[in-house]
N, C-alpha and C. Protein backbone atom coordinates (compact mmCIF):
# COMPACT_ATOMS: atom_id res chain seq x y z
N MET A 1 112.79 96.30 121.64
CA MET A 1 111.43 96.69 121.34
C MET A 1 111.04 97.91 122.13
N SER A 2 111.56 99.01 121.78
CA SER A 2 111.34 100.31 122.39
C SER A 2 111.32 100.22 123.91
N GLU A 3 110.37 100.92 124.53
CA GLU A 3 110.36 101.01 125.98
C GLU A 3 109.96 99.69 126.63
N LYS A 4 108.92 99.08 126.12
CA LYS A 4 108.43 97.85 126.73
C LYS A 4 109.11 96.66 126.06
N SER A 5 109.75 95.84 126.85
CA SER A 5 110.46 94.68 126.36
C SER A 5 109.48 93.54 126.09
N ILE A 6 109.85 92.67 125.18
CA ILE A 6 109.07 91.46 124.92
C ILE A 6 108.92 90.64 126.21
N TYR A 7 109.89 90.81 127.11
CA TYR A 7 109.85 90.07 128.38
C TYR A 7 108.76 90.54 129.33
N ASP A 8 108.20 91.73 129.09
CA ASP A 8 107.22 92.32 130.01
C ASP A 8 105.77 92.02 129.65
N ILE A 9 105.52 91.44 128.50
CA ILE A 9 104.16 91.22 128.03
C ILE A 9 103.49 90.15 128.89
N PRO A 10 102.34 90.47 129.48
CA PRO A 10 101.64 89.47 130.31
C PRO A 10 101.15 88.29 129.48
N LEU A 11 101.38 87.10 130.01
CA LEU A 11 100.96 85.85 129.38
C LEU A 11 100.20 85.03 130.41
N GLN A 12 99.58 83.98 129.92
CA GLN A 12 98.91 83.04 130.82
C GLN A 12 99.33 81.63 130.40
N ARG A 13 99.80 80.86 131.37
CA ARG A 13 100.15 79.46 131.10
C ARG A 13 98.87 78.67 130.84
N LEU A 14 99.02 77.48 130.29
CA LEU A 14 97.87 76.63 129.99
C LEU A 14 97.07 76.31 131.25
N ASP A 15 97.75 76.25 132.40
CA ASP A 15 97.05 75.96 133.66
C ASP A 15 96.37 77.19 134.25
N GLY A 16 96.46 78.34 133.55
CA GLY A 16 95.80 79.54 134.00
C GLY A 16 96.67 80.49 134.82
N SER A 17 97.86 80.05 135.21
CA SER A 17 98.73 80.90 136.01
C SER A 17 99.38 81.98 135.16
N ALA A 18 99.70 83.10 135.81
CA ALA A 18 100.31 84.25 135.12
C ALA A 18 101.77 83.95 134.80
N ALA A 19 102.24 84.53 133.71
CA ALA A 19 103.63 84.35 133.28
C ALA A 19 104.02 85.53 132.40
N THR A 20 105.31 85.63 132.13
CA THR A 20 105.86 86.52 131.11
C THR A 20 107.03 85.79 130.47
N LEU A 21 107.50 86.30 129.36
CA LEU A 21 108.72 85.73 128.77
C LEU A 21 109.93 86.05 129.65
N GLY A 22 109.78 87.00 130.58
CA GLY A 22 110.83 87.28 131.54
C GLY A 22 111.22 86.05 132.34
N ASP A 23 110.30 85.09 132.46
CA ASP A 23 110.60 83.83 133.14
C ASP A 23 111.70 83.06 132.41
N TYR A 24 111.93 83.41 131.15
CA TYR A 24 112.90 82.70 130.30
C TYR A 24 114.05 83.61 129.87
N ARG A 25 114.20 84.75 130.54
CA ARG A 25 115.27 85.69 130.21
C ARG A 25 116.62 84.98 130.19
N GLY A 26 117.43 85.31 129.19
CA GLY A 26 118.75 84.69 129.06
C GLY A 26 118.75 83.40 128.27
N LYS A 27 117.58 82.94 127.85
CA LYS A 27 117.48 81.74 127.03
C LYS A 27 117.04 82.12 125.63
N ALA A 28 117.38 81.29 124.66
CA ALA A 28 116.83 81.44 123.32
C ALA A 28 115.43 80.83 123.34
N LEU A 29 114.51 81.45 122.63
CA LEU A 29 113.11 81.01 122.65
C LEU A 29 112.64 80.68 121.24
N LEU A 30 111.98 79.55 121.10
CA LEU A 30 111.30 79.21 119.86
C LEU A 30 109.80 79.25 120.19
N ILE A 31 109.13 80.29 119.71
CA ILE A 31 107.72 80.53 120.01
C ILE A 31 106.90 80.05 118.82
N VAL A 32 105.96 79.13 119.10
CA VAL A 32 105.23 78.46 118.02
C VAL A 32 103.73 78.49 118.32
N ASN A 33 102.92 78.89 117.34
CA ASN A 33 101.48 78.76 117.49
C ASN A 33 101.10 77.34 117.07
N VAL A 34 100.42 76.65 117.96
CA VAL A 34 100.16 75.22 117.78
C VAL A 34 98.67 74.93 117.70
N ALA A 35 98.34 73.76 117.15
CA ALA A 35 96.95 73.32 117.04
C ALA A 35 96.90 71.80 117.00
N SER A 36 95.84 71.25 117.54
CA SER A 36 95.71 69.80 117.70
C SER A 36 95.07 69.09 116.52
N GLN A 37 94.41 69.83 115.62
CA GLN A 37 93.67 69.18 114.53
C GLN A 37 94.11 69.69 113.17
N CYS A 38 95.40 69.88 113.01
CA CYS A 38 95.97 70.44 111.78
C CYS A 38 96.81 69.37 111.09
N GLY A 39 96.94 69.49 109.79
CA GLY A 39 97.82 68.58 109.07
C GLY A 39 99.28 68.68 109.54
N LEU A 40 99.63 69.80 110.17
CA LEU A 40 100.99 70.00 110.67
C LEU A 40 101.15 69.58 112.14
N THR A 41 100.07 69.11 112.77
CA THR A 41 100.11 68.73 114.19
C THR A 41 101.23 67.75 114.52
N PRO A 42 101.62 66.82 113.63
CA PRO A 42 102.75 65.95 113.96
C PRO A 42 104.05 66.70 114.27
N GLN A 43 104.11 68.01 113.94
CA GLN A 43 105.30 68.79 114.31
C GLN A 43 105.48 68.86 115.83
N TYR A 44 104.43 68.60 116.60
CA TYR A 44 104.59 68.54 118.05
C TYR A 44 105.74 67.61 118.43
N ALA A 45 105.82 66.45 117.77
CA ALA A 45 106.88 65.48 118.07
C ALA A 45 108.26 66.09 117.79
N GLY A 46 108.40 66.77 116.67
CA GLY A 46 109.66 67.41 116.33
C GLY A 46 110.01 68.55 117.27
N LEU A 47 109.00 69.30 117.69
CA LEU A 47 109.25 70.39 118.64
C LEU A 47 109.70 69.83 119.98
N GLU A 48 109.08 68.74 120.42
CA GLU A 48 109.50 68.12 121.68
C GLU A 48 110.92 67.58 121.55
N SER A 49 111.26 67.03 120.40
CA SER A 49 112.62 66.54 120.16
C SER A 49 113.63 67.69 120.22
N LEU A 50 113.29 68.82 119.59
CA LEU A 50 114.15 70.01 119.67
C LEU A 50 114.35 70.43 121.13
N TYR A 51 113.26 70.48 121.86
CA TYR A 51 113.29 70.88 123.26
C TYR A 51 114.21 69.95 124.06
N GLU A 52 114.04 68.67 123.89
CA GLU A 52 114.88 67.70 124.61
C GLU A 52 116.35 67.84 124.22
N GLN A 53 116.60 68.04 122.94
CA GLN A 53 117.98 68.13 122.44
C GLN A 53 118.68 69.40 122.91
N TYR A 54 117.97 70.52 122.96
CA TYR A 54 118.61 71.81 123.16
C TYR A 54 118.34 72.48 124.51
N LYS A 55 117.47 71.91 125.34
CA LYS A 55 117.09 72.64 126.57
C LYS A 55 118.28 72.86 127.50
N GLU A 56 119.19 71.91 127.58
CA GLU A 56 120.35 72.07 128.46
C GLU A 56 121.30 73.15 127.94
N GLN A 57 121.21 73.45 126.64
CA GLN A 57 122.04 74.50 126.05
C GLN A 57 121.37 75.87 126.14
N GLY A 58 120.11 75.89 126.62
CA GLY A 58 119.45 77.16 126.83
C GLY A 58 118.32 77.49 125.88
N LEU A 59 117.75 76.50 125.19
CA LEU A 59 116.59 76.75 124.33
C LEU A 59 115.31 76.38 125.07
N GLU A 60 114.34 77.26 124.97
CA GLU A 60 112.98 76.95 125.43
C GLU A 60 112.07 76.96 124.22
N VAL A 61 111.30 75.91 124.05
CA VAL A 61 110.24 75.87 123.05
C VAL A 61 108.97 76.25 123.80
N LEU A 62 108.24 77.22 123.29
CA LEU A 62 107.03 77.71 123.95
C LEU A 62 105.86 77.59 122.98
N GLY A 63 104.85 76.81 123.36
CA GLY A 63 103.70 76.57 122.51
C GLY A 63 102.51 77.44 122.89
N PHE A 64 101.93 78.09 121.87
CA PHE A 64 100.77 78.95 122.06
C PHE A 64 99.61 78.41 121.22
N PRO A 65 98.72 77.63 121.83
CA PRO A 65 97.56 77.14 121.08
C PRO A 65 96.76 78.30 120.48
N CYS A 66 96.24 78.06 119.29
CA CYS A 66 95.53 79.10 118.56
C CYS A 66 94.44 78.46 117.72
N ASN A 67 93.25 79.04 117.75
CA ASN A 67 92.12 78.52 116.99
C ASN A 67 91.80 79.40 115.78
N ASP A 68 92.74 80.26 115.38
CA ASP A 68 92.51 81.21 114.29
C ASP A 68 92.42 80.56 112.91
N PHE A 69 93.00 79.40 112.75
CA PHE A 69 93.17 78.83 111.42
C PHE A 69 92.24 77.63 111.24
N ALA A 70 91.10 77.90 110.58
CA ALA A 70 90.10 76.87 110.26
C ALA A 70 89.61 76.13 111.51
N GLY A 71 89.64 76.79 112.66
CA GLY A 71 89.12 76.19 113.89
C GLY A 71 89.83 74.90 114.28
N GLN A 72 91.15 74.84 114.06
CA GLN A 72 91.88 73.60 114.27
C GLN A 72 92.40 73.41 115.69
N GLU A 73 92.05 74.33 116.60
CA GLU A 73 92.35 74.13 118.02
C GLU A 73 91.12 74.51 118.84
N PRO A 74 90.06 73.67 118.77
CA PRO A 74 88.82 73.99 119.47
C PRO A 74 88.85 73.60 120.95
N GLY A 75 89.83 72.85 121.38
CA GLY A 75 89.82 72.26 122.71
C GLY A 75 89.98 73.23 123.86
N SER A 76 89.57 72.76 125.03
CA SER A 76 89.80 73.49 126.28
C SER A 76 91.26 73.31 126.68
N ALA A 77 91.67 74.05 127.68
CA ALA A 77 93.05 73.92 128.18
C ALA A 77 93.34 72.48 128.61
N ASP A 78 92.41 71.86 129.33
CA ASP A 78 92.62 70.48 129.77
C ASP A 78 92.70 69.51 128.60
N GLU A 79 91.85 69.72 127.58
CA GLU A 79 91.88 68.86 126.40
C GLU A 79 93.20 69.02 125.64
N ILE A 80 93.67 70.25 125.52
CA ILE A 80 94.94 70.51 124.84
C ILE A 80 96.09 69.83 125.59
N LYS A 81 96.12 70.00 126.91
CA LYS A 81 97.18 69.39 127.73
C LYS A 81 97.17 67.87 127.58
N THR A 82 95.99 67.27 127.72
CA THR A 82 95.87 65.81 127.61
C THR A 82 96.32 65.32 126.25
N PHE A 83 95.89 66.02 125.19
CA PHE A 83 96.26 65.64 123.83
C PHE A 83 97.77 65.74 123.64
N CYS A 84 98.35 66.88 124.00
CA CYS A 84 99.78 67.11 123.75
C CYS A 84 100.66 66.13 124.53
N GLU A 85 100.34 65.94 125.79
CA GLU A 85 101.14 65.03 126.61
C GLU A 85 100.91 63.58 126.20
N GLY A 86 99.65 63.21 125.98
CA GLY A 86 99.32 61.82 125.69
C GLY A 86 99.72 61.37 124.30
N THR A 87 99.56 62.24 123.32
CA THR A 87 99.83 61.86 121.93
C THR A 87 101.29 62.07 121.54
N PHE A 88 101.89 63.16 122.02
CA PHE A 88 103.24 63.51 121.56
C PHE A 88 104.26 63.60 122.69
N GLY A 89 103.86 63.33 123.92
CA GLY A 89 104.81 63.40 125.05
C GLY A 89 105.36 64.79 125.27
N VAL A 90 104.56 65.82 124.96
CA VAL A 90 105.03 67.20 125.07
C VAL A 90 105.32 67.56 126.52
N ARG A 91 106.53 68.05 126.74
CA ARG A 91 106.92 68.55 128.06
C ARG A 91 107.35 70.01 127.99
N PHE A 92 107.48 70.56 126.79
CA PHE A 92 107.82 71.98 126.71
C PHE A 92 106.61 72.80 127.16
N PRO A 93 106.85 74.04 127.63
CA PRO A 93 105.76 74.85 128.18
C PRO A 93 104.69 75.20 127.14
N LEU A 94 103.44 75.08 127.57
CA LEU A 94 102.30 75.47 126.76
C LEU A 94 101.57 76.60 127.48
N PHE A 95 101.02 77.50 126.70
CA PHE A 95 100.35 78.67 127.23
C PHE A 95 98.87 78.63 126.86
N ALA A 96 98.11 79.54 127.44
CA ALA A 96 96.68 79.63 127.14
C ALA A 96 96.49 79.99 125.68
N LYS A 97 95.35 79.58 125.15
CA LYS A 97 95.00 79.86 123.77
C LYS A 97 95.03 81.37 123.52
N VAL A 98 95.59 81.76 122.37
CA VAL A 98 95.70 83.17 122.01
C VAL A 98 95.13 83.42 120.61
N VAL A 99 94.77 84.68 120.36
CA VAL A 99 94.41 85.14 119.03
C VAL A 99 95.68 85.73 118.42
N ILE A 100 95.98 85.32 117.20
CA ILE A 100 97.24 85.72 116.57
C ILE A 100 97.04 86.73 115.45
N ASN A 101 95.98 86.59 114.69
CA ASN A 101 95.71 87.50 113.57
C ASN A 101 94.42 88.26 113.83
N GLY A 102 94.36 89.47 113.32
CA GLY A 102 93.13 90.25 113.40
C GLY A 102 93.07 91.18 114.59
N ALA A 103 91.88 91.71 114.82
CA ALA A 103 91.68 92.78 115.80
C ALA A 103 92.04 92.36 117.23
N GLY A 104 91.82 91.12 117.60
CA GLY A 104 92.09 90.67 118.96
C GLY A 104 93.49 90.11 119.16
N ARG A 105 94.41 90.44 118.26
CA ARG A 105 95.77 89.88 118.31
C ARG A 105 96.40 90.07 119.68
N HIS A 106 96.96 89.00 120.22
CA HIS A 106 97.64 89.06 121.51
C HIS A 106 98.86 89.98 121.39
N PRO A 107 99.14 90.77 122.42
CA PRO A 107 100.30 91.68 122.37
C PRO A 107 101.63 90.99 122.08
N LEU A 108 101.80 89.74 122.52
CA LEU A 108 103.04 89.03 122.20
C LEU A 108 103.18 88.88 120.69
N TYR A 109 102.11 88.45 120.04
CA TYR A 109 102.18 88.26 118.59
C TYR A 109 102.27 89.59 117.86
N ALA A 110 101.68 90.63 118.40
CA ALA A 110 101.84 91.96 117.80
C ALA A 110 103.32 92.35 117.81
N ALA A 111 104.00 92.08 118.92
CA ALA A 111 105.42 92.41 119.03
C ALA A 111 106.27 91.52 118.12
N LEU A 112 105.98 90.24 118.09
CA LEU A 112 106.75 89.32 117.24
C LEU A 112 106.63 89.69 115.77
N ILE A 113 105.40 89.96 115.33
CA ILE A 113 105.15 90.29 113.93
C ILE A 113 105.77 91.63 113.58
N ALA A 114 105.67 92.60 114.48
CA ALA A 114 106.28 93.91 114.22
C ALA A 114 107.79 93.78 114.05
N ALA A 115 108.40 92.90 114.83
CA ALA A 115 109.85 92.71 114.76
C ALA A 115 110.27 91.93 113.51
N ARG A 116 109.44 91.00 113.07
CA ARG A 116 109.73 90.17 111.90
C ARG A 116 108.48 90.07 111.04
N PRO A 117 108.25 91.06 110.16
CA PRO A 117 107.00 91.07 109.39
C PRO A 117 106.88 89.98 108.33
N ALA A 118 107.96 89.31 108.01
CA ALA A 118 107.90 88.25 106.99
C ALA A 118 108.60 87.00 107.48
N ALA A 119 108.01 85.86 107.15
CA ALA A 119 108.59 84.56 107.52
C ALA A 119 109.53 84.06 106.44
N GLN A 120 110.58 83.38 106.86
CA GLN A 120 111.43 82.67 105.92
C GLN A 120 110.60 81.51 105.37
N GLN A 121 110.54 81.40 104.05
CA GLN A 121 109.74 80.36 103.40
C GLN A 121 110.60 79.14 103.09
N LYS A 122 109.97 78.00 103.05
CA LYS A 122 110.64 76.78 102.62
C LYS A 122 110.89 76.92 101.12
N PRO A 123 112.14 76.70 100.67
CA PRO A 123 112.45 76.94 99.25
C PRO A 123 111.51 76.22 98.28
N ASP A 124 111.16 74.98 98.58
CA ASP A 124 110.28 74.22 97.68
C ASP A 124 108.88 74.07 98.27
N GLY A 125 108.55 74.94 99.22
CA GLY A 125 107.28 74.82 99.92
C GLY A 125 106.08 75.19 99.06
N THR A 126 104.99 74.51 99.29
CA THR A 126 103.75 74.75 98.56
C THR A 126 102.62 75.19 99.49
N LEU A 127 102.89 75.31 100.78
CA LEU A 127 101.83 75.62 101.74
C LEU A 127 101.11 76.92 101.41
N ARG A 128 101.85 78.00 101.17
CA ARG A 128 101.21 79.28 100.88
C ARG A 128 100.28 79.17 99.66
N GLN A 129 100.74 78.50 98.63
CA GLN A 129 99.91 78.36 97.43
C GLN A 129 98.68 77.51 97.72
N ARG A 130 98.84 76.45 98.48
CA ARG A 130 97.68 75.60 98.82
C ARG A 130 96.67 76.40 99.63
N LEU A 131 97.14 77.22 100.57
CA LEU A 131 96.23 78.06 101.36
C LEU A 131 95.56 79.10 100.48
N ALA A 132 96.32 79.72 99.57
CA ALA A 132 95.75 80.71 98.65
C ALA A 132 94.68 80.08 97.77
N ASP A 133 94.95 78.86 97.28
CA ASP A 133 93.99 78.15 96.43
C ASP A 133 92.67 77.91 97.16
N ARG A 134 92.73 77.80 98.47
CA ARG A 134 91.52 77.55 99.29
C ARG A 134 90.99 78.84 99.92
N ASN A 135 91.56 79.98 99.50
CA ASN A 135 91.17 81.29 100.03
C ASN A 135 91.34 81.35 101.55
N LEU A 136 92.44 80.80 102.05
CA LEU A 136 92.70 80.75 103.48
C LEU A 136 93.86 81.65 103.93
N LEU A 137 94.44 82.41 103.01
CA LEU A 137 95.51 83.31 103.41
C LEU A 137 94.91 84.57 104.05
N SER A 138 95.58 85.08 105.07
CA SER A 138 95.14 86.30 105.73
C SER A 138 95.27 87.49 104.78
N ALA A 139 94.52 88.53 105.08
CA ALA A 139 94.52 89.73 104.25
C ALA A 139 95.85 90.46 104.32
N GLU A 140 96.46 90.48 105.50
CA GLU A 140 97.70 91.22 105.70
C GLU A 140 98.91 90.32 105.43
N PRO A 141 99.82 90.75 104.57
CA PRO A 141 100.99 89.91 104.27
C PRO A 141 101.86 89.59 105.49
N SER A 142 101.83 90.45 106.51
CA SER A 142 102.65 90.21 107.70
C SER A 142 101.99 89.25 108.69
N ASP A 143 100.70 88.94 108.50
CA ASP A 143 100.02 88.03 109.43
C ASP A 143 100.70 86.67 109.46
N VAL A 144 100.52 85.97 110.56
CA VAL A 144 100.98 84.59 110.66
C VAL A 144 100.22 83.78 109.61
N THR A 145 100.94 82.93 108.89
CA THR A 145 100.37 82.21 107.76
C THR A 145 99.38 81.13 108.19
N TRP A 146 99.79 80.31 109.18
CA TRP A 146 98.99 79.14 109.57
C TRP A 146 99.55 78.63 110.88
N ASN A 147 99.00 77.53 111.36
CA ASN A 147 99.51 76.88 112.57
C ASN A 147 100.97 76.47 112.37
N PHE A 148 101.71 76.49 113.45
CA PHE A 148 103.10 76.03 113.51
C PHE A 148 104.09 76.97 112.81
N GLU A 149 103.75 78.27 112.74
CA GLU A 149 104.76 79.26 112.35
C GLU A 149 105.66 79.46 113.58
N LYS A 150 106.94 79.67 113.34
CA LYS A 150 107.93 79.70 114.42
C LYS A 150 108.68 81.02 114.45
N PHE A 151 108.76 81.60 115.64
CA PHE A 151 109.56 82.81 115.87
C PHE A 151 110.73 82.43 116.76
N LEU A 152 111.93 82.82 116.37
CA LEU A 152 113.13 82.56 117.17
C LEU A 152 113.57 83.86 117.82
N VAL A 153 113.73 83.82 119.14
CA VAL A 153 114.11 84.98 119.93
C VAL A 153 115.47 84.70 120.55
N SER A 154 116.38 85.67 120.44
CA SER A 154 117.74 85.51 120.99
C SER A 154 117.73 85.55 122.51
N ARG A 155 118.85 85.20 123.09
CA ARG A 155 118.99 85.24 124.55
C ARG A 155 118.79 86.64 125.11
N SER A 156 118.97 87.67 124.27
CA SER A 156 118.80 89.05 124.72
C SER A 156 117.40 89.61 124.44
N GLY A 157 116.51 88.77 123.90
CA GLY A 157 115.13 89.19 123.68
C GLY A 157 114.84 89.77 122.32
N GLU A 158 115.78 89.66 121.39
CA GLU A 158 115.57 90.16 120.03
C GLU A 158 114.97 89.06 119.16
N VAL A 159 113.95 89.40 118.38
CA VAL A 159 113.35 88.44 117.46
C VAL A 159 114.29 88.32 116.27
N ILE A 160 114.94 87.17 116.13
CA ILE A 160 115.99 87.01 115.12
C ILE A 160 115.59 86.11 113.96
N GLY A 161 114.43 85.49 114.04
CA GLY A 161 114.01 84.62 112.94
C GLY A 161 112.52 84.37 112.98
N ARG A 162 111.99 84.11 111.81
CA ARG A 162 110.58 83.73 111.67
C ARG A 162 110.52 82.72 110.54
N PHE A 163 109.92 81.58 110.83
CA PHE A 163 109.94 80.46 109.90
C PHE A 163 108.52 80.02 109.57
N ALA A 164 108.27 79.85 108.27
CA ALA A 164 106.97 79.43 107.79
C ALA A 164 106.54 78.11 108.43
N PRO A 165 105.23 77.87 108.51
CA PRO A 165 104.75 76.66 109.16
C PRO A 165 105.28 75.36 108.56
N ASP A 166 105.55 75.33 107.26
CA ASP A 166 106.02 74.08 106.65
C ASP A 166 107.53 73.89 106.77
N ILE A 167 108.21 74.78 107.48
CA ILE A 167 109.60 74.52 107.85
C ILE A 167 109.54 73.72 109.15
N ALA A 168 109.78 72.44 109.03
CA ALA A 168 109.62 71.50 110.15
C ALA A 168 110.72 71.71 111.20
N PRO A 169 110.49 71.23 112.40
CA PRO A 169 111.49 71.37 113.47
C PRO A 169 112.86 70.78 113.13
N ASP A 170 112.91 69.79 112.24
CA ASP A 170 114.21 69.19 111.89
C ASP A 170 114.82 69.80 110.63
N ASP A 171 114.21 70.86 110.11
CA ASP A 171 114.73 71.51 108.90
C ASP A 171 116.11 72.12 109.20
N PRO A 172 117.09 71.90 108.32
CA PRO A 172 118.44 72.43 108.56
C PRO A 172 118.48 73.95 108.76
N ALA A 173 117.64 74.71 108.06
CA ALA A 173 117.65 76.17 108.21
C ALA A 173 117.25 76.56 109.63
N LEU A 174 116.24 75.90 110.18
CA LEU A 174 115.81 76.18 111.54
C LEU A 174 116.88 75.73 112.53
N ARG A 175 117.42 74.55 112.33
CA ARG A 175 118.47 74.04 113.23
C ARG A 175 119.69 74.96 113.24
N GLN A 176 120.10 75.46 112.07
CA GLN A 176 121.25 76.37 112.00
C GLN A 176 120.96 77.67 112.75
N ALA A 177 119.75 78.17 112.61
CA ALA A 177 119.39 79.40 113.31
C ALA A 177 119.38 79.20 114.83
N ILE A 178 118.91 78.05 115.28
CA ILE A 178 118.91 77.74 116.72
C ILE A 178 120.34 77.61 117.21
N ASP A 179 121.17 76.88 116.46
CA ASP A 179 122.58 76.74 116.86
C ASP A 179 123.26 78.11 116.99
N ALA A 180 122.98 78.99 116.03
CA ALA A 180 123.58 80.33 116.07
C ALA A 180 123.07 81.12 117.27
N ALA A 181 121.79 80.97 117.58
CA ALA A 181 121.21 81.69 118.72
C ALA A 181 121.77 81.20 120.04
N LEU A 182 122.16 79.94 120.09
CA LEU A 182 122.69 79.35 121.32
C LEU A 182 124.20 79.54 121.45
N ALA A 183 124.87 79.89 120.36
CA ALA A 183 126.34 79.99 120.37
C ALA A 183 126.81 81.11 121.29
């Protein structure tokens, strides 16, 4: 990513402490925008399962709460932490709430989207059409579609995959991409 690496972008952990993706240099990263009140929220369990299965091989799952999509993440940092840990046993790292689409887009998501302007869609998926039917699709085709869109970053910091929100954590396409990133 030109002069400034994805590893240099300032982030904030859910507890308010400063971080960067540089803290995870050398690992494959699955970066996911998450929400507590979404129909896809049960994916937290699958993401935690992925994290437990692959963390020793070098995968980090990183959750970025986002309230951009129908206000489905209204909670405070403490409420998000309590919900994620208590409901889904989440132990993968969570970060402070970010804006993903529009004028206030977080620089991390600007970099991720610039690197991968289109998400791999689920072959039989209906999510995009259901969102379009409700007039909930973003104006820009490259915008993140909805909660639980996934970006896969290689061990060297290259964005190598982007997966639509309805591609679940146990989907074979996502699993194959993670296996390849870890190989």
